[in-house]
Structure formats: C-alpha cells, structure tokens
C-alpha cells in the first residue's frame, strides 16, 4: 500500500511544476447514495415492506446479492482515476442497517482492501440510514455519534428523518471529522433542508471550536443544489477566494454550472451529492502550501456501466429498478469524490 502511495506521489509531483522537487500523498474522499440497499428481512418499526420477498419490488435473495455486488464494484472503483487503492473514506446513504453493511464490506471488491464501516441506527421511518466506509490503513477511527434532526416547528414534533452521522478520526496524521448527511426530501419543502443546513453548521462550528486544528467535511445527498438556500445556511461558498474563517468551500458549484450533475430529472441535471470542506482544508493563496492536508480537486465519477446505455433515459444513472422493471443497475445517483493532498515528509 505504501508503494502505491509513493508511485502516486511521483505522478502528483509532475502535475505541480512549481514544486516538482517534492513528493506528495493523495487521499480520496467519496460519497455515494446507494439507492435502497435493503436486506430481505423486516425490521420492526420500519416501513420496509416494499423490500421483502412478497413486497412490491419482490426483493429476494438473488436481487439483494446482485445489488450488493454492484454497489461494492462501484464503491471500489470510486477514486481509482487517480488512486489505485481507491478512497480512504466513502460516505453512503440509503442503507438499511448494519446487516446490509456487514454484507456490503464482505464483498470481495471491498474485503480485499479491508474496508470497515461506522454506523448508528437512525430514526427514519422508512429505515434508511447514513454510514461511512473507511480504509483502516489510511483513516484511524476515533469516535462515532449520531445527531438527530431536530424539528424547528412545533407542528413537526413527530417528524422523524435521518440524523447527521459524525465520524471523527485521523487522516494523514491530522484530525478529521466527517459529517454524513441525507437531508429531507424535495417533497418536504426547502425550509426543512434549510433547517438541516443550520443544524449541521452548529455541529461543524462546535467541532472546530473544540480544537482549531480539527478539519471537517460535510458530505451527503443534500437534496439541494450548491446554489440553494440550505447550503447558504451551512456557510458553503463556491469560490475559493471568498472563503473566510468559519466558512466552508463547495467545489461543486462550477461543475453544476457546466451542465453536469449526479442525478437527472426530465432531462436536466441536479447535483445533490456534495462533499464540502471546512476553511482549513482549502488554500486560498496563489502559491499553494501543501504542508498540511489540503483540497486538491474533485470529480463526479461517470462510468459507462453506471449509466443507461439506451432507451428513453439514455445517459441517466442506471437504477436498480425503474417503473417496476428490474434493471440490475446501480443507483439513481452518481458518486462523487474529492482529493486531498499533503506534502510527503
């Protein structure tokens, strides 16, 4: 594994002529909405009936095992454009429970890299949670917390949705906390996602107040585009030169403006699957300083196998099931990844 990093370091040095005499390590941090990774068993108190053998999706062992294989293949492939060893960290959403996660990391594509996961069962009535996969050779886990989504309106006292999974640890010898999110749906209205943005900002600020060296990444299916109000509530800015202390940097703004995204609706792209970085993970100076872990670049992982190859929805993400038809696909979202760089001592 160290050999892979050294090979990569040489490649990165060639891409940065001003500091070509130095070598660097690169780390991938990804996110993927797994679109209904349910097992085939009923969880008491959860509305998972569609994903049972006699449910509307006829969700049986064969379909479940195919879904696991497809998800593991895509997750293992994430970030390999630049990193043969894949991502150090991958946040995921729409996974039912720890049983599904156990089965996922046991798939050969992930097991050979030794991926583990962080997860806490959440209150979502449909039964979908967020989790974080990580390569323990690159990321050292310290703590895991689940912050509940707190309704701001009295009338919503019985509104239960995904919380905010806080995973703290060490990456590249630096303290890093990842907050994995799946914000309320578009059907709920913008207010509820704006509320999520405010709540996550409080969590982020608290983490950084405890130790100014703490670095924070907020990631997830935010059910909003980078320009929407919820991201403003989070304090996410789309231009590096505008990022100040306490802000966050959202590198996806320009990508959506260029006409591409992570999910398609009626022929138009949205970019809900974002990875957003605290101010101390970006370098706004003209002469970049990589002695500390720093944002390098980002990408949407667009692979032919993740996209419909024909028909009405050609070019859109290839779903597991569409209009009641089993497609043996992947997800209605595309995965995203950011790369962090640090000078090798």
Protein backbone atom coordinates (compact mmCIF):
# COMPACT_ATOMS: atom_id res chain seq x y z
CA UNK A 1 0.00 0.00 0.00
CA UNK A 2 2.85 2.40 0.80
CA UNK A 3 4.33 1.54 -2.59
CA UNK A 4 1.10 2.66 -4.29
CA UNK A 5 1.25 5.96 -2.42
CA UNK A 6 4.85 6.54 -3.46
CA UNK A 7 4.01 5.85 -7.10
CA UNK A 8 1.09 8.25 -6.87
CA UNK A 9 3.26 10.87 -5.17
CA UNK A 10 5.61 10.90 -8.14
CA UNK A 11 2.67 11.37 -10.50
CA UNK A 12 1.31 14.28 -8.48
CA UNK A 13 4.72 15.97 -8.35
CA UNK A 14 4.75 16.02 -12.16
CA UNK A 15 1.37 17.78 -12.11
CA UNK A 16 2.70 20.64 -9.92
CA UNK A 17 5.74 22.08 -11.74
CA UNK A 18 6.45 24.80 -9.15
CA UNK A 19 7.21 22.19 -6.51
CA UNK A 20 8.30 19.32 -8.72
CA UNK A 21 11.23 18.52 -6.44
CA UNK A 22 8.79 17.50 -3.72
CA UNK A 23 6.58 14.42 -3.40
CA UNK A 24 3.01 14.24 -2.19
CA UNK A 25 0.43 11.81 -0.89
CA UNK A 26 -3.11 11.96 -2.23
CA UNK A 27 -6.25 10.79 -0.43
CA UNK A 28 -9.69 10.16 -1.91
CA UNK A 29 -12.86 11.06 0.00
CA UNK A 30 -16.06 9.91 -1.70
CA UNK A 31 -19.81 9.82 -1.34
CA UNK A 32 -22.45 7.58 -2.91
CA UNK A 33 -26.21 7.29 -2.47
CA UNK A 34 -26.74 3.54 -2.72
CA UNK A 35 -30.45 3.83 -3.60
CA UNK A 36 -32.29 1.48 -1.30
CA UNK A 37 -29.70 -1.02 -0.14
CA UNK A 38 -32.21 -3.10 1.85
CA UNK A 39 -31.78 -6.65 3.05
CA UNK A 40 -34.69 -9.08 2.65
CA UNK A 41 -35.83 -9.14 6.30
CA UNK A 42 -38.38 -6.92 8.04
CA UNK A 43 -37.07 -4.53 10.69
CA UNK A 44 -39.62 -3.99 13.43
CA UNK A 45 -41.00 -0.46 13.40
CA UNK A 46 -39.71 0.33 9.91
CA UNK A 47 -41.71 0.72 6.71
CA UNK A 48 -39.53 -1.61 4.66
CA UNK A 49 -42.36 -3.78 3.32
CA UNK A 50 -41.67 -2.97 -0.35
CA UNK A 51 -38.25 -4.59 0.05
CA UNK A 52 -39.42 -8.00 1.20
CA UNK A 53 -39.83 -11.11 -0.98
CA UNK A 54 -43.60 -10.54 -1.13
CA UNK A 55 -43.31 -6.73 -1.39
CA UNK A 56 -43.82 -4.56 -4.45
CA UNK A 57 -40.18 -4.96 -5.53
CA UNK A 58 -40.22 -8.76 -4.97
CA UNK A 59 -36.95 -8.17 -3.13
CA UNK A 60 -35.45 -11.65 -2.87
CA UNK A 61 -32.02 -13.11 -2.14
CA UNK A 62 -30.94 -13.04 -5.78
CA UNK A 63 -31.75 -9.33 -6.22
CA UNK A 64 -30.18 -8.45 -2.88
CA UNK A 65 -26.94 -10.27 -3.68
CA UNK A 66 -26.76 -8.68 -7.13
CA UNK A 67 -27.33 -5.26 -5.56
CA UNK A 68 -24.52 -5.88 -3.05
CA UNK A 69 -22.12 -6.89 -5.81
CA UNK A 70 -22.97 -3.86 -7.95
CA UNK A 71 -22.60 -1.44 -5.06
CA UNK A 72 -19.28 -2.96 -3.96
CA UNK A 73 -17.93 -2.81 -7.50
CA UNK A 74 -18.83 0.88 -7.87
CA UNK A 75 -17.53 1.80 -4.42
CA UNK A 76 -14.21 0.03 -5.01
CA UNK A 77 -13.91 1.83 -8.35
CA UNK A 78 -14.50 5.25 -6.80
CA UNK A 79 -11.42 7.45 -6.98
CA UNK A 80 -9.33 4.97 -8.97
CA UNK A 81 -8.78 7.52 -11.76
CA UNK A 82 -6.07 8.92 -9.51
CA UNK A 83 -5.66 6.31 -6.75
CA UNK A 84 -5.16 2.60 -7.49
CA UNK A 85 -6.12 1.85 -3.87
CA UNK A 86 -9.38 3.77 -4.09
CA UNK A 87 -10.81 6.11 -1.49
CA UNK A 88 -9.68 6.34 2.12
CA UNK A 89 -13.21 7.37 3.14
CA UNK A 90 -16.61 6.89 1.48
CA UNK A 91 -19.85 8.21 2.94
CA UNK A 92 -23.01 6.37 1.90
CA UNK A 93 -26.74 6.94 2.26
CA UNK A 94 -29.88 4.84 1.80
CA UNK A 95 -28.52 1.74 3.52
CA UNK A 96 -30.99 -0.11 5.73
CA UNK A 97 -28.96 -1.39 8.67
CA UNK A 98 -25.74 -2.94 9.96
CA UNK A 99 -26.65 -6.32 8.43
CA UNK A 100 -26.61 -4.77 4.97
CA UNK A 101 -23.33 -3.02 5.77
CA UNK A 102 -21.77 -6.27 7.02
CA UNK A 103 -22.78 -7.94 3.77
CA UNK A 104 -21.50 -4.99 1.74
CA UNK A 105 -17.97 -4.83 3.18
CA UNK A 106 -17.76 -8.64 2.91
CA UNK A 107 -17.99 -8.37 -0.89
CA UNK A 108 -14.63 -9.31 -2.47
CA UNK A 109 -14.08 -5.88 -4.06
CA UNK A 110 -14.18 -4.17 -0.66
CA UNK A 111 -12.93 -7.01 1.55
CA UNK A 112 -9.59 -7.19 -0.28
CA UNK A 113 -8.89 -3.61 0.80
CA UNK A 114 -10.04 -4.24 4.35
CA UNK A 115 -12.82 -1.64 4.41
CA UNK A 116 -14.68 -1.20 7.69
CA UNK A 117 -17.69 0.98 8.45
CA UNK A 118 -19.10 3.41 11.00
CA UNK A 119 -22.87 3.41 11.51
CA UNK A 120 -25.54 4.13 14.11
CA UNK A 121 -29.14 3.10 13.57
CA UNK A 122 -31.29 6.16 12.92
CA UNK A 123 -34.97 7.06 13.38
CA UNK A 124 -36.01 7.27 9.72
CA UNK A 125 -39.40 5.59 9.38
CA UNK A 126 -38.56 4.08 6.01
CA UNK A 127 -35.49 2.58 7.62
CA UNK A 128 -32.68 4.14 5.58
CA UNK A 129 -29.52 5.38 7.28
CA UNK A 130 -26.20 7.02 6.52
CA UNK A 131 -22.89 5.28 7.15
CA UNK A 132 -19.21 5.76 6.40
CA UNK A 133 -16.84 3.19 4.94
CA UNK A 134 -13.15 3.66 5.57
CA UNK A 135 -9.84 2.00 4.83
CA UNK A 136 -8.20 1.50 8.27
CA UNK A 137 -4.76 1.58 6.66
CA UNK A 138 -5.39 5.24 5.81
CA UNK A 139 -8.02 6.50 8.28
CA UNK A 140 -7.93 5.80 12.02
CA UNK A 141 -11.39 5.84 13.61
CA UNK A 142 -11.75 7.66 16.94
CA UNK A 143 -15.46 8.27 17.60
CA UNK A 144 -18.93 7.98 16.06
CA UNK A 145 -22.03 9.99 17.00
CA UNK A 146 -25.49 10.40 15.52
CA UNK A 147 -27.01 13.85 15.90
CA UNK A 148 -30.80 13.74 15.46
CA UNK A 149 -32.56 16.08 13.09
CA UNK A 150 -34.49 18.41 15.42
CA UNK A 151 -37.77 19.84 14.06
CA UNK A 152 -37.85 23.62 14.38
CA UNK A 153 -41.65 23.87 14.10
CA UNK A 154 -43.98 22.66 16.83
CA UNK A 155 -46.29 21.07 14.28
CA UNK A 156 -43.44 18.79 13.20
CA UNK A 157 -42.80 17.23 16.61
CA UNK A 158 -43.42 13.76 15.14
CA UNK A 159 -41.25 14.38 12.06
CA UNK A 160 -38.55 11.69 12.06
CA UNK A 161 -35.85 11.64 9.42
CA UNK A 162 -32.21 10.77 9.02
CA UNK A 163 -29.86 12.33 11.51
CA UNK A 164 -26.33 13.59 10.93
CA UNK A 165 -23.62 10.95 11.36
CA UNK A 166 -20.45 12.42 12.86
CA UNK A 167 -17.35 10.27 12.36
CA UNK A 168 -14.08 11.52 13.88
CA UNK A 169 -10.61 10.17 13.33
CA UNK A 170 -7.18 10.80 11.85
CA UNK A 171 -6.23 11.08 8.18
CA UNK A 172 -2.69 11.91 7.10
CA UNK A 173 -1.74 12.47 10.77
CA UNK A 174 -4.35 15.22 11.09
CA UNK A 175 -7.68 15.28 12.97
CA UNK A 176 -10.59 14.96 10.57
CA UNK A 177 -14.33 14.75 11.20
CA UNK A 178 -16.78 13.71 8.51
CA UNK A 179 -20.48 14.51 8.84
CA UNK A 180 -22.51 12.22 6.58
CA UNK A 181 -25.97 13.52 5.72
CA UNK A 182 -29.15 12.71 3.87
CA UNK A 183 -31.22 15.86 4.17
CA UNK A 184 -35.05 15.91 3.94
CA UNK A 185 -36.55 15.25 0.53
CA UNK A 186 -37.64 17.81 -2.03
CA UNK A 187 -41.24 16.92 -1.21
CA UNK A 188 -40.76 18.27 2.31
CA UNK A 189 -40.07 21.81 1.11
CA UNK A 190 -36.95 23.99 1.24
CA UNK A 191 -37.47 25.04 4.88
CA UNK A 192 -36.62 21.58 6.18
CA UNK A 193 -33.35 21.41 4.28
CA UNK A 194 -32.51 24.96 5.35
CA UNK A 195 -33.07 23.74 8.90
CA UNK A 196 -30.70 20.83 8.23
CA UNK A 197 -28.09 23.29 6.97
CA UNK A 198 -28.38 25.35 10.14
CA UNK A 199 -28.11 22.30 12.37
CA UNK A 200 -25.09 20.87 10.58
CA UNK A 201 -23.37 24.27 10.79
CA UNK A 202 -23.82 24.22 14.58
CA UNK A 203 -22.24 20.75 14.72
CA UNK A 204 -19.36 21.83 12.48
CA UNK A 205 -18.72 25.01 14.45
CA UNK A 206 -18.71 23.08 17.73
CA UNK A 207 -16.15 20.60 16.39
CA UNK A 208 -13.84 23.34 15.21
CA UNK A 209 -14.30 25.42 18.36
CA UNK A 210 -13.11 22.45 20.45
CA UNK A 211 -9.83 22.37 18.50
CA UNK A 212 -8.94 24.84 15.76
CA UNK A 213 -6.83 22.14 14.09
CA UNK A 214 -9.91 19.98 13.54
CA UNK A 215 -10.82 19.70 9.87
CA UNK A 216 -14.40 18.98 8.88
CA UNK A 217 -16.01 17.54 5.76
CA UNK A 218 -19.78 17.67 5.30
CA UNK A 219 -21.00 15.23 2.67
CA UNK A 220 -24.17 13.59 1.54
CA UNK A 221 -27.28 13.59 -0.55
CA UNK A 222 -28.43 17.07 0.42
CA UNK A 223 -31.49 17.04 -1.86
CA UNK A 224 -30.44 20.53 -2.92
CA UNK A 225 -28.07 22.01 -5.48
CA UNK A 226 -25.00 24.03 -4.41
CA UNK A 227 -26.76 27.36 -5.03
CA UNK A 228 -29.80 26.57 -2.87
CA UNK A 229 -30.63 28.23 0.44
CA UNK A 230 -29.75 25.24 2.63
CA UNK A 231 -26.13 25.44 1.50
CA UNK A 232 -26.05 29.15 2.32
CA UNK A 233 -27.30 28.28 5.82
CA UNK A 234 -24.34 25.88 6.08
CA UNK A 235 -21.98 28.69 5.11
CA UNK A 236 -20.77 26.99 1.93
CA UNK A 237 -19.23 29.22 -0.73
CA UNK A 238 -18.45 28.30 -4.30
CA UNK A 239 -15.38 30.47 -4.88
CA UNK A 240 -12.09 29.78 -3.13
CA UNK A 241 -11.22 33.46 -2.91
CA UNK A 242 -14.44 34.14 -0.96
CA UNK A 243 -13.83 31.51 1.73
CA UNK A 244 -13.05 33.06 5.10
CA UNK A 245 -12.54 31.63 8.57
CA UNK A 246 -15.71 29.81 9.63
CA UNK A 247 -16.92 29.33 6.03
CA UNK A 248 -16.93 26.14 4.03
CA UNK A 249 -15.86 25.58 0.43
CA UNK A 250 -18.26 23.92 -2.01
CA UNK A 251 -16.32 22.86 -5.13
CA UNK A 252 -19.45 21.58 -6.93
CA UNK A 253 -20.94 24.96 -7.85
CA UNK A 254 -18.94 25.35 -11.08
CA UNK A 255 -19.45 21.71 -12.03
CA UNK A 256 -23.23 22.07 -11.97
CA UNK A 257 -22.93 25.36 -13.88
CA UNK A 258 -21.05 23.46 -16.58
CA UNK A 259 -24.16 21.37 -17.21
CA UNK A 260 -23.48 18.10 -15.43
CA UNK A 261 -24.64 16.63 -12.14
CA UNK A 262 -25.26 13.46 -10.17
CA UNK A 263 -28.93 12.78 -10.89
CA UNK A 264 -31.18 13.53 -13.81
CA UNK A 265 -34.83 14.59 -13.81
CA UNK A 266 -36.78 15.17 -17.01
CA UNK A 267 -33.58 15.68 -18.96
CA UNK A 268 -31.99 18.18 -16.53
CA UNK A 269 -29.16 17.52 -14.11
CA UNK A 270 -29.10 18.25 -10.40
CA UNK A 271 -26.07 17.93 -8.16
CA UNK A 272 -27.36 16.84 -4.76
CA UNK A 273 -24.37 14.63 -3.86
CA UNK A 274 -21.86 17.07 -2.47
CA UNK A 275 -18.66 16.97 -0.42
CA UNK A 276 -17.99 20.29 1.30
CA UNK A 277 -14.82 21.31 3.15
CA UNK A 278 -14.06 23.49 6.18
CA UNK A 279 -11.97 26.60 5.56
CA UNK A 280 -8.82 24.98 6.98
CA UNK A 281 -8.95 22.30 4.25
CA UNK A 282 -8.56 24.82 1.44
CA UNK A 283 -5.69 27.09 0.50
CA UNK A 284 -6.83 30.40 -0.99
CA UNK A 285 -3.32 31.73 -1.62
CA UNK A 286 -1.93 31.95 -5.15
CA UNK A 287 1.15 29.95 -4.08
CA UNK A 288 -0.36 26.74 -2.75
CA UNK A 289 1.01 25.32 0.50
CA UNK A 290 0.59 21.55 0.81
CA UNK A 291 2.43 21.00 4.07
CA UNK A 292 -0.98 20.44 5.68
CA UNK A 293 -3.82 18.35 4.28
CA UNK A 294 -5.43 20.48 1.58
CA UNK A 295 -8.14 20.23 -1.08
CA UNK A 296 -6.70 19.33 -4.49
CA UNK A 297 -9.55 18.64 -6.92
CA UNK A 298 -12.92 16.90 -7.28
CA UNK A 299 -14.91 14.88 -9.77
CA UNK A 300 -18.22 13.17 -10.46
CA UNK A 301 -17.50 9.51 -11.14
CA UNK A 302 -19.07 8.98 -14.54
CA UNK A 303 -18.60 5.42 -15.73
CA UNK A 304 -20.39 3.85 -18.69
CA UNK A 305 -21.63 0.99 -16.51
CA UNK A 306 -23.33 3.50 -14.16
CA UNK A 307 -25.40 5.00 -17.00
CA UNK A 308 -28.34 3.86 -19.10
CA UNK A 309 -26.94 2.87 -22.49
CA UNK A 310 -30.17 3.02 -24.49
CA UNK A 311 -33.83 3.94 -24.48
CA UNK A 312 -35.72 6.97 -23.23
CA UNK A 313 -33.37 7.54 -20.28
CA UNK A 314 -30.10 7.01 -22.14
CA UNK A 315 -27.28 8.82 -20.34
CA UNK A 316 -29.10 8.92 -16.99
CA UNK A 317 -27.92 6.94 -13.95
CA UNK A 318 -28.82 3.26 -14.27
CA UNK A 319 -31.16 2.42 -11.42
CA UNK A 320 -31.70 -0.95 -9.78
CA UNK A 321 -35.38 -0.88 -10.68
CA UNK A 322 -37.39 1.55 -12.82
CA UNK A 323 -41.15 1.55 -13.48
CA UNK A 324 -41.40 -1.82 -11.78
CA UNK A 325 -38.78 -3.40 -14.05
CA UNK A 326 -35.64 -4.98 -12.57
CA UNK A 327 -32.64 -3.44 -14.38
CA UNK A 328 -29.81 -4.98 -12.32
CA UNK A 329 -28.41 -1.44 -12.12
CA UNK A 330 -26.65 0.64 -9.51
CA UNK A 331 -28.28 3.83 -8.26
CA UNK A 332 -30.34 6.81 -9.38
CA UNK A 333 -27.36 8.95 -8.27
CA UNK A 334 -23.75 9.10 -9.44
CA UNK A 335 -20.92 9.00 -6.88
CA UNK A 336 -18.65 11.95 -6.17
CA UNK A 337 -15.10 12.25 -4.86
CA UNK A 338 -12.73 14.95 -3.66
CA UNK A 339 -8.98 14.52 -3.47
CA UNK A 340 -6.89 15.88 -0.61
CA UNK A 341 -3.15 16.36 -0.96
CA UNK A 342 -0.31 16.62 1.53
CA UNK A 343 3.42 17.04 1.08
CA UNK A 344 5.33 13.93 1.98
CA UNK A 345 7.87 14.47 4.76
